[in-house]
Structure formats: C-alpha cells, structure tokens
N, C-alpha and C. Protein backbone atom coordinates (compact mmCIF):
# COMPACT_ATOMS: atom_id res chain seq x y z
N MET A 1 84.98 -95.48 73.34
CA MET A 1 85.15 -95.96 71.97
C MET A 1 86.20 -95.10 71.27
N LYS A 2 87.11 -95.75 70.57
CA LYS A 2 88.17 -95.07 69.85
C LYS A 2 88.06 -95.39 68.37
N LEU A 3 88.82 -94.67 67.56
CA LEU A 3 88.75 -94.87 66.12
C LEU A 3 89.09 -96.30 65.71
N HIS A 4 90.04 -96.92 66.43
CA HIS A 4 90.42 -98.28 66.05
C HIS A 4 89.37 -99.31 66.46
N ASP A 5 88.37 -98.87 67.25
CA ASP A 5 87.29 -99.78 67.63
C ASP A 5 86.16 -99.80 66.60
N LEU A 6 86.13 -98.81 65.71
CA LEU A 6 85.04 -98.73 64.74
C LEU A 6 85.20 -99.77 63.64
N HIS A 7 84.12 -100.43 63.30
CA HIS A 7 84.13 -101.37 62.18
C HIS A 7 82.71 -101.47 61.64
N PRO A 8 82.56 -101.79 60.34
CA PRO A 8 81.21 -101.89 59.77
C PRO A 8 80.44 -103.05 60.39
N ARG A 9 79.12 -102.97 60.30
CA ARG A 9 78.28 -104.03 60.84
C ARG A 9 78.54 -105.33 60.09
N SER A 10 78.30 -106.41 60.73
CA SER A 10 78.57 -107.70 60.11
C SER A 10 77.63 -107.90 58.92
N GLY A 11 78.20 -108.30 57.79
CA GLY A 11 77.43 -108.50 56.57
C GLY A 11 77.35 -107.28 55.69
N ALA A 12 77.82 -106.12 56.19
CA ALA A 12 77.74 -104.90 55.39
C ALA A 12 78.80 -104.89 54.29
N ARG A 13 79.96 -105.48 54.54
CA ARG A 13 81.04 -105.53 53.56
C ARG A 13 81.20 -106.97 53.10
N GLN A 14 80.99 -107.20 51.80
CA GLN A 14 81.14 -108.54 51.26
C GLN A 14 82.21 -108.52 50.19
N PRO A 15 82.97 -109.59 50.07
CA PRO A 15 83.98 -109.63 49.01
C PRO A 15 83.32 -109.68 47.64
N ARG A 16 84.01 -109.14 46.65
CA ARG A 16 83.49 -109.11 45.28
C ARG A 16 83.41 -110.53 44.74
N LYS A 17 82.30 -110.87 44.07
CA LYS A 17 82.13 -112.19 43.50
C LYS A 17 82.87 -112.25 42.17
N ARG A 18 83.83 -113.15 42.04
CA ARG A 18 84.60 -113.31 40.80
C ARG A 18 83.92 -114.39 39.98
N VAL A 19 83.23 -113.99 38.93
CA VAL A 19 82.45 -114.93 38.14
C VAL A 19 83.22 -115.33 36.89
N GLY A 20 82.85 -116.51 36.38
CA GLY A 20 83.45 -116.99 35.14
C GLY A 20 84.90 -117.37 35.27
N ARG A 21 85.30 -117.99 36.40
CA ARG A 21 86.71 -118.35 36.60
C ARG A 21 86.85 -119.87 36.80
N GLY A 22 86.10 -120.63 36.08
CA GLY A 22 86.25 -122.09 36.14
C GLY A 22 85.21 -122.75 37.01
N ILE A 23 85.13 -124.10 36.90
CA ILE A 23 84.05 -124.82 37.57
C ILE A 23 84.23 -124.88 39.08
N SER A 24 85.44 -124.83 39.56
CA SER A 24 85.63 -124.95 41.01
C SER A 24 85.25 -123.66 41.74
N ALA A 25 85.14 -122.56 41.02
CA ALA A 25 84.83 -121.29 41.66
C ALA A 25 83.36 -121.20 42.06
N GLY A 26 82.51 -122.05 41.51
CA GLY A 26 81.10 -122.03 41.87
C GLY A 26 80.27 -121.13 40.97
N GLN A 27 80.89 -120.18 40.30
CA GLN A 27 80.17 -119.29 39.36
C GLN A 27 80.87 -119.33 38.00
N GLY A 28 81.34 -120.50 37.62
CA GLY A 28 82.04 -120.63 36.34
C GLY A 28 81.09 -120.82 35.18
N LYS A 29 81.61 -121.15 34.05
CA LYS A 29 80.90 -121.40 32.80
C LYS A 29 79.95 -120.27 32.44
N THR A 30 78.68 -120.32 32.81
CA THR A 30 77.74 -119.27 32.40
C THR A 30 77.73 -118.08 33.36
N ALA A 31 78.39 -118.18 34.47
CA ALA A 31 78.58 -117.08 35.42
C ALA A 31 77.28 -116.46 35.90
N GLY A 32 76.29 -117.33 36.16
CA GLY A 32 75.04 -116.84 36.73
C GLY A 32 74.13 -116.16 35.75
N ARG A 33 74.46 -116.23 34.44
CA ARG A 33 73.63 -115.56 33.43
C ARG A 33 72.64 -116.51 32.77
N GLY A 34 72.62 -117.76 33.16
CA GLY A 34 71.75 -118.73 32.48
C GLY A 34 72.38 -119.15 31.17
N THR A 35 71.59 -119.75 30.31
CA THR A 35 72.14 -120.22 29.03
C THR A 35 71.48 -119.48 27.88
N LYS A 36 72.30 -118.99 27.01
CA LYS A 36 71.90 -118.32 25.77
C LYS A 36 70.93 -117.16 26.01
N GLY A 37 70.47 -116.57 24.96
CA GLY A 37 69.54 -115.45 25.05
C GLY A 37 70.25 -114.11 25.13
N GLN A 38 69.47 -113.04 24.96
CA GLN A 38 70.05 -111.69 24.90
C GLN A 38 70.74 -111.32 26.21
N LYS A 39 70.18 -111.71 27.35
CA LYS A 39 70.76 -111.32 28.63
C LYS A 39 72.03 -112.10 28.96
N ALA A 40 72.27 -113.17 28.26
CA ALA A 40 73.48 -113.94 28.50
C ALA A 40 74.67 -113.36 27.74
N ARG A 41 74.43 -112.55 26.74
CA ARG A 41 75.51 -112.03 25.91
C ARG A 41 76.16 -110.80 26.55
N THR A 42 77.38 -110.52 26.13
CA THR A 42 78.02 -109.30 26.60
C THR A 42 77.40 -108.10 25.90
N GLY A 43 77.34 -106.98 26.59
CA GLY A 43 76.72 -105.79 26.01
C GLY A 43 75.23 -105.93 25.87
N ALA A 44 74.61 -106.80 26.65
CA ALA A 44 73.18 -107.07 26.52
C ALA A 44 72.35 -105.88 26.96
N GLY A 45 71.13 -105.81 26.49
CA GLY A 45 70.21 -104.77 26.91
C GLY A 45 69.77 -103.89 25.76
N GLY A 46 70.48 -103.92 24.66
CA GLY A 46 70.06 -103.15 23.50
C GLY A 46 70.30 -101.67 23.70
N LYS A 47 69.71 -100.89 22.86
CA LYS A 47 69.86 -99.45 22.92
C LYS A 47 69.11 -98.89 24.11
N LEU A 48 69.47 -97.69 24.52
CA LEU A 48 68.88 -97.08 25.71
C LEU A 48 67.37 -96.92 25.57
N TYR A 49 66.89 -96.54 24.37
CA TYR A 49 65.47 -96.26 24.19
C TYR A 49 64.73 -97.41 23.50
N ARG A 50 65.37 -98.55 23.34
CA ARG A 50 64.72 -99.66 22.67
C ARG A 50 63.68 -100.27 23.60
N GLN A 51 62.49 -100.58 23.04
CA GLN A 51 61.43 -101.11 23.87
C GLN A 51 60.83 -102.37 23.29
N GLY A 52 61.64 -103.13 22.57
CA GLY A 52 61.22 -104.46 22.14
C GLY A 52 60.03 -104.47 21.22
N GLY A 53 59.96 -103.57 20.27
CA GLY A 53 58.86 -103.58 19.31
C GLY A 53 57.82 -102.52 19.56
N ASN A 54 57.71 -102.05 20.80
CA ASN A 54 56.77 -100.96 21.08
C ASN A 54 57.28 -99.67 20.46
N LEU A 55 56.37 -98.73 20.26
CA LEU A 55 56.79 -97.41 19.82
C LEU A 55 57.61 -96.79 20.95
N PRO A 56 58.85 -96.39 20.69
CA PRO A 56 59.70 -95.89 21.77
C PRO A 56 59.07 -94.72 22.52
N PHE A 57 59.38 -94.64 23.77
CA PHE A 57 58.79 -93.63 24.66
C PHE A 57 59.00 -92.23 24.13
N TYR A 58 60.21 -91.93 23.68
CA TYR A 58 60.51 -90.57 23.23
C TYR A 58 59.78 -90.22 21.94
N ARG A 59 59.29 -91.23 21.18
CA ARG A 59 58.51 -90.92 19.98
C ARG A 59 57.03 -90.80 20.30
N ARG A 60 56.61 -91.26 21.47
CA ARG A 60 55.21 -91.12 21.87
C ARG A 60 54.89 -89.73 22.41
N LEU A 61 55.91 -88.99 22.79
CA LEU A 61 55.69 -87.70 23.41
C LEU A 61 55.81 -86.60 22.36
N PRO A 62 54.73 -85.92 22.02
CA PRO A 62 54.80 -84.92 20.95
C PRO A 62 55.58 -83.68 21.34
N PHE A 63 55.61 -83.35 22.63
CA PHE A 63 56.27 -82.11 23.04
C PHE A 63 57.79 -82.23 23.01
N MET A 64 58.31 -83.44 22.86
CA MET A 64 59.76 -83.59 22.84
C MET A 64 60.32 -83.45 21.43
N ARG A 65 59.45 -83.36 20.43
CA ARG A 65 59.95 -83.23 19.07
C ARG A 65 60.39 -81.81 18.80
N GLY A 66 61.28 -81.66 17.86
CA GLY A 66 61.67 -80.33 17.44
C GLY A 66 62.85 -79.80 18.21
N PHE A 67 63.01 -78.49 18.17
CA PHE A 67 64.20 -77.84 18.70
C PHE A 67 63.78 -76.71 19.62
N THR A 68 64.36 -76.65 20.80
CA THR A 68 64.11 -75.56 21.74
C THR A 68 65.39 -74.75 21.87
N ASN A 69 65.33 -73.51 21.46
CA ASN A 69 66.48 -72.64 21.51
C ASN A 69 66.62 -72.09 22.93
N PHE A 70 67.65 -72.53 23.65
CA PHE A 70 67.82 -72.08 25.03
C PHE A 70 68.45 -70.69 25.09
N ARG A 71 68.87 -70.14 23.96
CA ARG A 71 69.39 -68.77 23.94
C ARG A 71 68.33 -67.77 23.45
N ARG A 72 67.06 -68.20 23.43
CA ARG A 72 65.98 -67.35 22.96
C ARG A 72 65.90 -66.08 23.80
N ALA A 73 65.71 -64.97 23.12
CA ALA A 73 65.62 -63.68 23.82
C ALA A 73 64.30 -63.63 24.61
N THR A 74 64.40 -63.26 25.87
CA THR A 74 63.23 -63.12 26.73
C THR A 74 63.06 -61.64 27.03
N TRP A 75 61.85 -61.13 26.87
CA TRP A 75 61.59 -59.70 27.05
C TRP A 75 60.60 -59.48 28.18
N ASN A 76 60.75 -58.35 28.85
CA ASN A 76 59.73 -57.86 29.77
C ASN A 76 58.76 -57.04 28.94
N GLU A 77 57.54 -57.51 28.80
CA GLU A 77 56.55 -56.82 27.98
C GLU A 77 55.74 -55.87 28.85
N VAL A 78 55.74 -54.59 28.45
CA VAL A 78 55.00 -53.56 29.18
C VAL A 78 54.05 -52.88 28.21
N ASN A 79 52.76 -52.90 28.52
CA ASN A 79 51.77 -52.24 27.68
C ASN A 79 51.58 -50.79 28.10
N LEU A 80 51.08 -49.98 27.17
CA LEU A 80 50.83 -48.56 27.46
C LEU A 80 49.80 -48.39 28.57
N SER A 81 48.84 -49.33 28.64
CA SER A 81 47.80 -49.22 29.67
C SER A 81 48.39 -49.29 31.07
N SER A 82 49.53 -49.97 31.25
CA SER A 82 50.14 -50.07 32.58
C SER A 82 50.93 -48.83 32.97
N LEU A 83 51.13 -47.87 32.03
CA LEU A 83 51.84 -46.63 32.34
C LEU A 83 50.91 -45.54 32.87
N ALA A 84 49.64 -45.88 33.07
CA ALA A 84 48.66 -44.88 33.51
C ALA A 84 48.96 -44.36 34.91
N GLY A 85 49.67 -45.11 35.73
CA GLY A 85 49.96 -44.69 37.10
C GLY A 85 51.07 -43.66 37.21
N PHE A 86 51.79 -43.37 36.13
CA PHE A 86 52.88 -42.41 36.18
C PHE A 86 52.37 -40.99 35.96
N LYS A 87 52.97 -40.03 36.68
CA LYS A 87 52.55 -38.63 36.57
C LYS A 87 53.06 -38.03 35.27
N ALA A 88 52.48 -36.90 34.86
CA ALA A 88 52.89 -36.22 33.64
C ALA A 88 54.33 -35.73 33.78
N GLY A 89 55.12 -35.95 32.74
CA GLY A 89 56.51 -35.52 32.74
C GLY A 89 57.45 -36.49 33.45
N ALA A 90 56.94 -37.59 33.95
CA ALA A 90 57.78 -38.55 34.66
C ALA A 90 58.68 -39.30 33.68
N GLU A 91 59.86 -39.67 34.18
CA GLU A 91 60.78 -40.46 33.36
C GLU A 91 60.55 -41.93 33.67
N VAL A 92 60.11 -42.67 32.64
CA VAL A 92 59.78 -44.08 32.80
C VAL A 92 60.92 -44.89 32.21
N GLY A 93 61.70 -45.53 33.08
CA GLY A 93 62.83 -46.34 32.66
C GLY A 93 62.82 -47.69 33.37
N PRO A 94 63.87 -48.48 33.21
CA PRO A 94 63.90 -49.79 33.86
C PRO A 94 63.77 -49.72 35.38
N GLU A 95 64.38 -48.71 36.00
CA GLU A 95 64.33 -48.61 37.46
C GLU A 95 62.92 -48.29 37.94
N SER A 96 62.28 -47.30 37.29
CA SER A 96 60.93 -46.91 37.73
C SER A 96 59.91 -48.00 37.43
N LEU A 97 60.10 -48.73 36.32
CA LEU A 97 59.19 -49.83 36.01
C LEU A 97 59.36 -50.97 37.01
N ALA A 98 60.60 -51.21 37.45
CA ALA A 98 60.84 -52.26 38.45
C ALA A 98 60.22 -51.87 39.80
N GLU A 99 60.34 -50.58 40.17
CA GLU A 99 59.74 -50.12 41.42
C GLU A 99 58.22 -50.24 41.39
N ALA A 100 57.64 -50.01 40.21
CA ALA A 100 56.18 -50.12 40.07
C ALA A 100 55.72 -51.57 39.99
N GLY A 101 56.67 -52.52 39.90
CA GLY A 101 56.30 -53.94 39.85
C GLY A 101 55.79 -54.38 38.49
N LEU A 102 56.22 -53.70 37.42
CA LEU A 102 55.72 -54.04 36.09
C LEU A 102 56.64 -54.98 35.31
N LEU A 103 57.78 -55.37 35.90
CA LEU A 103 58.72 -56.26 35.23
C LEU A 103 58.67 -57.65 35.84
N GLN A 104 58.68 -58.68 34.97
CA GLN A 104 58.72 -60.05 35.47
C GLN A 104 60.11 -60.37 36.01
N ASP A 105 61.15 -59.97 35.27
CA ASP A 105 62.53 -60.25 35.66
C ASP A 105 63.38 -59.06 35.26
N THR A 106 64.05 -58.45 36.20
CA THR A 106 64.80 -57.22 35.92
C THR A 106 66.04 -57.47 35.08
N ARG A 107 66.46 -58.73 34.91
CA ARG A 107 67.64 -59.02 34.10
C ARG A 107 67.37 -58.87 32.60
N PHE A 108 66.12 -59.00 32.20
CA PHE A 108 65.79 -59.03 30.78
C PHE A 108 65.40 -57.65 30.26
N PRO A 109 65.64 -57.38 28.95
CA PRO A 109 65.30 -56.08 28.38
C PRO A 109 63.79 -55.85 28.31
N ILE A 110 63.42 -54.59 28.09
CA ILE A 110 62.02 -54.18 28.15
C ILE A 110 61.54 -53.80 26.76
N VAL A 111 60.35 -54.27 26.39
CA VAL A 111 59.72 -53.86 25.14
C VAL A 111 58.39 -53.18 25.50
N LEU A 112 58.13 -52.03 24.88
CA LEU A 112 56.90 -51.28 25.11
C LEU A 112 55.92 -51.62 24.01
N LEU A 113 54.75 -52.14 24.39
CA LEU A 113 53.72 -52.54 23.43
C LEU A 113 52.59 -51.53 23.43
N GLY A 114 51.87 -51.45 22.33
CA GLY A 114 50.89 -50.39 22.14
C GLY A 114 49.48 -50.66 22.59
N MET A 115 49.26 -51.65 23.46
CA MET A 115 47.91 -51.94 23.92
C MET A 115 47.50 -50.94 25.00
N GLY A 116 46.42 -50.23 24.78
CA GLY A 116 45.96 -49.23 25.73
C GLY A 116 46.27 -47.83 25.23
N GLU A 117 45.96 -46.85 26.08
CA GLU A 117 46.17 -45.44 25.72
C GLU A 117 47.01 -44.77 26.80
N VAL A 118 47.75 -43.75 26.40
CA VAL A 118 48.51 -42.94 27.35
C VAL A 118 48.08 -41.49 27.15
N THR A 119 47.76 -40.79 28.26
CA THR A 119 47.28 -39.42 28.16
C THR A 119 48.32 -38.42 28.62
N ALA A 120 49.13 -38.77 29.60
CA ALA A 120 50.13 -37.85 30.13
C ALA A 120 51.41 -37.91 29.31
N PRO A 121 52.09 -36.78 29.12
CA PRO A 121 53.38 -36.80 28.41
C PRO A 121 54.46 -37.44 29.29
N LEU A 122 55.06 -38.51 28.80
CA LEU A 122 56.06 -39.25 29.56
C LEU A 122 57.37 -39.33 28.78
N LYS A 123 58.48 -39.38 29.52
CA LYS A 123 59.79 -39.63 28.91
C LYS A 123 60.08 -41.11 29.11
N VAL A 124 59.91 -41.89 28.05
CA VAL A 124 60.02 -43.35 28.15
C VAL A 124 61.40 -43.79 27.66
N ARG A 125 62.09 -44.58 28.48
CA ARG A 125 63.39 -45.17 28.11
C ARG A 125 63.27 -46.68 28.19
N VAL A 126 63.22 -47.34 27.03
CA VAL A 126 63.10 -48.79 26.97
C VAL A 126 64.08 -49.35 25.93
N HIS A 127 64.19 -50.67 25.88
CA HIS A 127 65.12 -51.30 24.95
C HIS A 127 64.53 -51.47 23.56
N ARG A 128 63.20 -51.62 23.49
CA ARG A 128 62.54 -51.79 22.21
C ARG A 128 61.13 -51.23 22.32
N VAL A 129 60.59 -50.71 21.22
CA VAL A 129 59.24 -50.15 21.24
C VAL A 129 58.57 -50.47 19.90
N THR A 130 57.28 -50.77 19.96
CA THR A 130 56.55 -51.00 18.72
C THR A 130 56.19 -49.67 18.09
N ARG A 131 55.91 -49.71 16.80
CA ARG A 131 55.60 -48.48 16.06
C ARG A 131 54.34 -47.81 16.61
N GLY A 132 53.31 -48.62 16.93
CA GLY A 132 52.06 -48.07 17.47
C GLY A 132 52.24 -47.44 18.83
N ALA A 133 53.07 -48.05 19.67
CA ALA A 133 53.31 -47.50 21.00
C ALA A 133 54.07 -46.18 20.91
N ARG A 134 55.05 -46.10 20.01
CA ARG A 134 55.81 -44.86 19.84
C ARG A 134 54.88 -43.74 19.37
N THR A 135 54.00 -44.05 18.43
CA THR A 135 53.06 -43.05 17.91
C THR A 135 52.15 -42.51 19.01
N LYS A 136 51.63 -43.40 19.86
CA LYS A 136 50.72 -42.99 20.93
C LYS A 136 51.43 -42.15 22.00
N VAL A 137 52.67 -42.53 22.34
CA VAL A 137 53.42 -41.77 23.36
C VAL A 137 53.73 -40.37 22.83
N GLU A 138 54.17 -40.28 21.58
CA GLU A 138 54.52 -38.98 21.00
C GLU A 138 53.28 -38.13 20.74
N ALA A 139 52.13 -38.76 20.46
CA ALA A 139 50.89 -38.01 20.29
C ALA A 139 50.43 -37.38 21.60
N ALA A 140 50.78 -38.02 22.72
CA ALA A 140 50.42 -37.47 24.03
C ALA A 140 51.42 -36.40 24.49
N GLY A 141 52.45 -36.14 23.68
CA GLY A 141 53.44 -35.12 24.03
C GLY A 141 54.67 -35.66 24.71
N GLY A 142 54.83 -36.97 24.72
CA GLY A 142 55.98 -37.58 25.38
C GLY A 142 57.08 -37.92 24.39
N THR A 143 58.17 -38.49 24.90
CA THR A 143 59.29 -38.90 24.05
C THR A 143 59.65 -40.35 24.35
N VAL A 144 60.22 -41.01 23.35
CA VAL A 144 60.68 -42.40 23.51
C VAL A 144 62.16 -42.45 23.19
N GLU A 145 62.95 -42.98 24.13
CA GLU A 145 64.39 -43.12 23.93
C GLU A 145 64.74 -44.60 24.04
N LEU A 146 65.49 -45.10 23.07
CA LEU A 146 65.92 -46.51 23.10
C LEU A 146 67.26 -46.60 23.82
N ILE A 147 67.35 -47.60 24.70
CA ILE A 147 68.61 -47.81 25.42
C ILE A 147 69.21 -49.14 24.96
N GLU A 148 70.52 -49.26 25.13
CA GLU A 148 71.25 -50.45 24.67
C GLU A 148 70.89 -51.66 25.53
N ALA A 149 70.55 -52.76 24.87
CA ALA A 149 70.22 -53.99 25.60
C ALA A 149 71.49 -54.74 25.96
N GLN A 150 71.59 -55.23 27.19
CA GLN A 150 72.74 -56.01 27.62
C GLN A 150 72.34 -57.47 27.70
N ALA A 151 73.30 -58.36 27.53
CA ALA A 151 73.02 -59.79 27.63
C ALA A 151 72.67 -60.13 29.08
N PRO A 152 71.60 -60.90 29.32
CA PRO A 152 71.23 -61.21 30.69
C PRO A 152 72.21 -62.17 31.34
N GLN A 153 72.37 -62.02 32.66
CA GLN A 153 73.24 -62.92 33.44
C GLN A 153 72.39 -64.00 34.07
N ALA A 154 71.83 -64.86 33.23
CA ALA A 154 70.93 -65.88 33.75
C ALA A 154 71.65 -67.16 34.10
C-alpha cells in the first residue's frame, strides 16, 4: 500500500448541501426549515440562557451569584499548638515549617495564629502574625520576625 492508494471510506466524505438555491436544487424555498416559526428565522434560538419562560438555569443556582475574587490572598495558617514539636531556641521559618509538613502550599505566605500555647523560646520568621500569637511567643522568651511576602507563582 502506498500513499496514493489511501482514500477515505465510501460515504465518509459528502459534498456540502447548498440550500435555498431555487426549486430545481431540491432544497429551495424554505431550505429544509419548514414554514414559519422561530426555528425558520435567521438567528433563531434566542439568547444562550433563554429557557422559554422557565426561570433561567443560572438564576436557579444560588452559588453562582455574586463575585469571586480570583486574586484573593491565600495564606498558610499555622497555629501555636503545631509548634510544640520544635526544640527550644530553634529557628522556625518557611523551610522548617515545610519540612515539618505544616504548610498546605509552599508558594503561599505564612500567618501565625494564636491558638494553643508555646513553652519553648523559638525564633519565629513568618509573613504575618496575630497580636495574641506574638504575645505568647515573646512571653515564652522567643522572638517574632516578619519577612517580606512575595506574590505566589500560581
């Protein structure tokens, strides 16, 4: 078999039907659309979401209403209770938190929340910290350093 022997199966390729070209063409006058009515007109079908009197689909769905900000800031939330595994004097930063498996996504900045207690003095480096969490870390003898947040490459 050679390239010039290849051809499509019989019936696979059909010539385009030219409609509305007079009575001798076989598809003249109404061109297979029947007579009158919405489907016989050009541009028929109405609007994309029109449903002929029913409440449109997109208005029936409550979760589609409103505005979703796709540039919303996403944070890795770390509570003080999850810092219990770190030794006294340890430096807790994005790298050590990622190694400990405490981050959902390493691309996003880290916020330290004040739920729980911390007993060991830690050097904490995060992008954001709540007032209560800072108070608890400093009361235990540790320090909190804020680092610059970078835009995620999502």
